[in-house]
């Protein structure tokens, strides 16, 4: 079994990203509660409003950049380099997710199309991660 001395770093990046999101969006907790109450009132899924989606976009860019920086650190330092491709693909996914959310909000788009694009992006990120992983190994 390979040991990754940096295995907890992505969780640390996650905590920093979520904290920054809440610090920069102080009304977010009440906005989340308001959104959940609206689902209860309507009894069905309601697409989130821009005041919820834009903080998610903020989180996505912070987390994505952090994961890309971890990828670069792994490559440069050669520490658990076998895990670098996962950090890369996750980072790419979150950075592109940021852009998808911003475009969805700006264009007042269709939520199903937005969700489908997110899944396509996830699939592409996984494929890219596998290719990068193969390139690193060879």
C-alpha atoms as a PDB file:
ATOM      1  CA  UNK A   1       0.000   0.000   0.000  1.00  0.00           C
ATOM      2  CA  UNK A   2       1.376   3.383  -1.000  1.00  0.00           C
ATOM      3  CA  UNK A   3       1.490   6.046   1.687  1.00  0.00           C
ATOM      4  CA  UNK A   4       0.512   9.579   0.770  1.00  0.00           C
ATOM      5  CA  UNK A   5       1.957  12.121   3.213  1.00  0.00           C
ATOM      6  CA  UNK A   6      -0.301  14.768   1.640  1.00  0.00           C
ATOM      7  CA  UNK A   7      -3.550  12.766   1.880  1.00  0.00           C
ATOM      8  CA  UNK A   8      -5.229  15.320   4.197  1.00  0.00           C
ATOM      9  CA  UNK A   9      -4.239  18.375   2.166  1.00  0.00           C
ATOM     10  CA  UNK A  10      -7.333  18.278  -0.109  1.00  0.00           C
ATOM     11  CA  UNK A  11      -9.544  18.307   2.990  1.00  0.00           C
ATOM     12  CA  UNK A  12      -7.592  21.299   4.305  1.00  0.00           C
ATOM     13  CA  UNK A  13      -8.094  23.062   0.974  1.00  0.00           C
ATOM     14  CA  UNK A  14     -11.803  22.237   1.196  1.00  0.00           C
ATOM     15  CA  UNK A  15     -12.054  23.749   4.696  1.00  0.00           C
ATOM     16  CA  UNK A  16     -10.233  26.912   3.623  1.00  0.00           C
ATOM     17  CA  UNK A  17     -12.433  27.209   0.507  1.00  0.00           C
ATOM     18  CA  UNK A  18     -15.704  26.749   2.388  1.00  0.00           C
ATOM     19  CA  UNK A  19     -14.579  29.178   5.108  1.00  0.00           C
ATOM     20  CA  UNK A  20     -13.631  31.839   2.555  1.00  0.00           C
ATOM     21  CA  UNK A  21     -17.001  31.368   0.871  1.00  0.00           C
ATOM     22  CA  UNK A  22     -18.888  31.939   4.128  1.00  0.00           C
ATOM     23  CA  UNK A  23     -16.660  34.873   5.164  1.00  0.00           C
ATOM     24  CA  UNK A  24     -17.203  36.624   1.832  1.00  0.00           C
ATOM     25  CA  UNK A  25     -20.951  35.801   1.801  1.00  0.00           C
ATOM     26  CA  UNK A  26     -22.125  36.448   5.379  1.00  0.00           C
ATOM     27  CA  UNK A  27     -25.827  36.012   4.471  1.00  0.00           C
ATOM     28  CA  UNK A  28     -25.226  32.559   3.026  1.00  0.00           C
ATOM     29  CA  UNK A  29     -26.494  30.555   6.045  1.00  0.00           C
ATOM     30  CA  UNK A  30     -29.826  32.406   6.054  1.00  0.00           C
ATOM     31  CA  UNK A  31     -30.029  32.145   2.243  1.00  0.00           C
ATOM     32  CA  UNK A  32     -29.569  28.365   2.493  1.00  0.00           C
ATOM     33  CA  UNK A  33     -32.297  28.098   5.134  1.00  0.00           C
ATOM     34  CA  UNK A  34     -34.616  30.265   3.021  1.00  0.00           C
ATOM     35  CA  UNK A  35     -33.982  28.048  -0.009  1.00  0.00           C
ATOM     36  CA  UNK A  36     -34.683  24.852   1.945  1.00  0.00           C
ATOM     37  CA  UNK A  37     -37.913  26.351   3.268  1.00  0.00           C
ATOM     38  CA  UNK A  38     -38.988  27.219  -0.292  1.00  0.00           C
ATOM     39  CA  UNK A  39     -38.551  23.575  -1.308  1.00  0.00           C
ATOM     40  CA  UNK A  40     -40.704  22.571   1.656  1.00  0.00           C
ATOM     41  CA  UNK A  41     -43.390  25.109   0.677  1.00  0.00           C
ATOM     42  CA  UNK A  42     -43.531  24.034  -2.974  1.00  0.00           C
ATOM     43  CA  UNK A  43     -43.013  20.342  -2.211  1.00  0.00           C
ATOM     44  CA  UNK A  44     -40.612  19.860  -5.120  1.00  0.00           C
ATOM     45  CA  UNK A  45     -37.136  20.771  -6.289  1.00  0.00           C
ATOM     46  CA  UNK A  46     -36.696  24.465  -7.015  1.00  0.00           C
ATOM     47  CA  UNK A  47     -33.561  25.541  -8.917  1.00  0.00           C
ATOM     48  CA  UNK A  48     -31.339  27.591  -6.596  1.00  0.00           C
ATOM     49  CA  UNK A  49     -31.284  31.346  -7.002  1.00  0.00           C
ATOM     50  CA  UNK A  50     -28.190  33.322  -8.035  1.00  0.00           C
ATOM     51  CA  UNK A  51     -27.660  34.372  -4.407  1.00  0.00           C
ATOM     52  CA  UNK A  52     -26.987  30.680  -3.669  1.00  0.00           C
ATOM     53  CA  UNK A  53     -25.265  29.742  -6.913  1.00  0.00           C
ATOM     54  CA  UNK A  54     -22.701  32.551  -6.961  1.00  0.00           C
ATOM     55  CA  UNK A  55     -21.208  31.533  -3.587  1.00  0.00           C
ATOM     56  CA  UNK A  56     -20.990  27.976  -4.951  1.00  0.00           C
ATOM     57  CA  UNK A  57     -19.085  29.420  -7.918  1.00  0.00           C
ATOM     58  CA  UNK A  58     -16.768  31.211  -5.474  1.00  0.00           C
ATOM     59  CA  UNK A  59     -16.170  27.986  -3.555  1.00  0.00           C
ATOM     60  CA  UNK A  60     -15.514  26.126  -6.802  1.00  0.00           C
ATOM     61  CA  UNK A  61     -12.791  28.495  -7.939  1.00  0.00           C
ATOM     62  CA  UNK A  62     -11.068  28.521  -4.535  1.00  0.00           C
ATOM     63  CA  UNK A  63     -11.154  24.742  -4.258  1.00  0.00           C
ATOM     64  CA  UNK A  64     -10.151  24.198  -7.885  1.00  0.00           C
ATOM     65  CA  UNK A  65      -7.161  26.512  -7.677  1.00  0.00           C
ATOM     66  CA  UNK A  66      -6.086  24.901  -4.405  1.00  0.00           C
ATOM     67  CA  UNK A  67      -6.192  21.446  -5.981  1.00  0.00           C
ATOM     68  CA  UNK A  68      -4.229  22.603  -9.027  1.00  0.00           C
ATOM     69  CA  UNK A  69      -1.605  24.112  -6.699  1.00  0.00           C
ATOM     70  CA  UNK A  70      -1.422  20.769  -4.879  1.00  0.00           C
ATOM     71  CA  UNK A  71      -0.973  19.040  -8.244  1.00  0.00           C
ATOM     72  CA  UNK A  72       1.913  21.391  -9.097  1.00  0.00           C
ATOM     73  CA  UNK A  73       3.466  20.838  -5.660  1.00  0.00           C
ATOM     74  CA  UNK A  74       3.292  17.063  -6.108  1.00  0.00           C
ATOM     75  CA  UNK A  75       4.933  17.263  -9.547  1.00  0.00           C
ATOM     76  CA  UNK A  76       7.693  19.645  -8.452  1.00  0.00           C
ATOM     77  CA  UNK A  77       8.446  17.917  -5.143  1.00  0.00           C
ATOM     78  CA  UNK A  78       7.790  14.380  -6.444  1.00  0.00           C
ATOM     79  CA  UNK A  79       5.779  13.606  -3.273  1.00  0.00           C
ATOM     80  CA  UNK A  80       3.184  10.881  -3.915  1.00  0.00           C
ATOM     81  CA  UNK A  81       3.286  11.818  -7.573  1.00  0.00           C
ATOM     82  CA  UNK A  82       0.900   8.938  -8.324  1.00  0.00           C
ATOM     83  CA  UNK A  83      -1.886  10.976  -6.668  1.00  0.00           C
ATOM     84  CA  UNK A  84      -1.186  14.123  -8.704  1.00  0.00           C
ATOM     85  CA  UNK A  85      -3.519  13.257 -11.586  1.00  0.00           C
ATOM     86  CA  UNK A  86      -6.505  13.000  -9.232  1.00  0.00           C
ATOM     87  CA  UNK A  87      -5.769  16.470  -7.832  1.00  0.00           C
ATOM     88  CA  UNK A  88      -5.408  17.790 -11.377  1.00  0.00           C
ATOM     89  CA  UNK A  89      -8.689  16.360 -12.667  1.00  0.00           C
ATOM     90  CA  UNK A  90     -10.610  17.497  -9.590  1.00  0.00           C
ATOM     91  CA  UNK A  91      -9.086  20.971  -9.832  1.00  0.00           C
ATOM     92  CA  UNK A  92      -9.996  21.263 -13.506  1.00  0.00           C
ATOM     93  CA  UNK A  93     -13.552  20.137 -12.762  1.00  0.00           C
ATOM     94  CA  UNK A  94     -14.068  22.757 -10.043  1.00  0.00           C
ATOM     95  CA  UNK A  95     -12.546  25.566 -12.113  1.00  0.00           C
ATOM     96  CA  UNK A  96     -14.806  24.741 -15.062  1.00  0.00           C
ATOM     97  CA  UNK A  97     -17.778  24.364 -12.688  1.00  0.00           C
ATOM     98  CA  UNK A  98     -17.148  27.953 -11.580  1.00  0.00           C
ATOM     99  CA  UNK A  99     -17.458  29.119 -15.169  1.00  0.00           C
ATOM    100  CA  UNK A 100     -20.563  27.008 -15.826  1.00  0.00           C
ATOM    101  CA  UNK A 101     -22.319  28.448 -12.772  1.00  0.00           C
ATOM    102  CA  UNK A 102     -21.449  32.031 -13.695  1.00  0.00           C
ATOM    103  CA  UNK A 103     -22.664  31.521 -17.275  1.00  0.00           C
ATOM    104  CA  UNK A 104     -25.864  29.848 -16.045  1.00  0.00           C
ATOM    105  CA  UNK A 105     -26.618  32.782 -13.734  1.00  0.00           C
ATOM    106  CA  UNK A 106     -25.765  35.452 -16.346  1.00  0.00           C
ATOM    107  CA  UNK A 107     -27.870  33.819 -19.056  1.00  0.00           C
ATOM    108  CA  UNK A 108     -30.706  32.746 -16.728  1.00  0.00           C
ATOM    109  CA  UNK A 109     -30.313  29.332 -18.317  1.00  0.00           C
ATOM    110  CA  UNK A 110     -32.154  26.042 -18.200  1.00  0.00           C
ATOM    111  CA  UNK A 111     -31.238  24.084 -15.038  1.00  0.00           C
ATOM    112  CA  UNK A 112     -31.403  20.689 -16.772  1.00  0.00           C
ATOM    113  CA  UNK A 113     -28.931  21.829 -19.428  1.00  0.00           C
ATOM    114  CA  UNK A 114     -26.703  23.307 -16.719  1.00  0.00           C
ATOM    115  CA  UNK A 115     -26.806  20.051 -14.740  1.00  0.00           C
ATOM    116  CA  UNK A 116     -26.055  18.040 -17.902  1.00  0.00           C
ATOM    117  CA  UNK A 117     -23.065  20.267 -18.679  1.00  0.00           C
ATOM    118  CA  UNK A 118     -21.789  19.697 -15.145  1.00  0.00           C
ATOM    119  CA  UNK A 119     -21.966  15.923 -15.692  1.00  0.00           C
ATOM    120  CA  UNK A 120     -20.213  16.224 -19.069  1.00  0.00           C
ATOM    121  CA  UNK A 121     -17.499  18.316 -17.422  1.00  0.00           C
ATOM    122  CA  UNK A 122     -17.100  15.717 -14.687  1.00  0.00           C
ATOM    123  CA  UNK A 123     -16.723  12.980 -17.290  1.00  0.00           C
ATOM    124  CA  UNK A 124     -14.134  14.969 -19.238  1.00  0.00           C
ATOM    125  CA  UNK A 125     -12.229  15.767 -16.032  1.00  0.00           C
ATOM    126  CA  UNK A 126     -12.087  12.072 -15.148  1.00  0.00           C
ATOM    127  CA  UNK A 127     -10.792  11.188 -18.624  1.00  0.00           C
ATOM    128  CA  UNK A 128      -8.179  13.970 -18.491  1.00  0.00           C
ATOM    129  CA  UNK A 129      -7.105  12.800 -15.030  1.00  0.00           C
ATOM    130  CA  UNK A 130      -6.579   9.266 -16.284  1.00  0.00           C
ATOM    131  CA  UNK A 131      -4.576  10.506 -19.280  1.00  0.00           C
ATOM    132  CA  UNK A 132      -2.416  12.743 -17.066  1.00  0.00           C
ATOM    133  CA  UNK A 133      -1.940   9.833 -14.646  1.00  0.00           C
ATOM    134  CA  UNK A 134      -0.801   7.599 -17.485  1.00  0.00           C
ATOM    135  CA  UNK A 135       1.575  10.298 -18.746  1.00  0.00           C
ATOM    136  CA  UNK A 136       3.072  10.740 -15.280  1.00  0.00           C
ATOM    137  CA  UNK A 137       3.667   6.985 -14.911  1.00  0.00           C
ATOM    138  CA  UNK A 138       5.337   6.680 -18.322  1.00  0.00           C
END
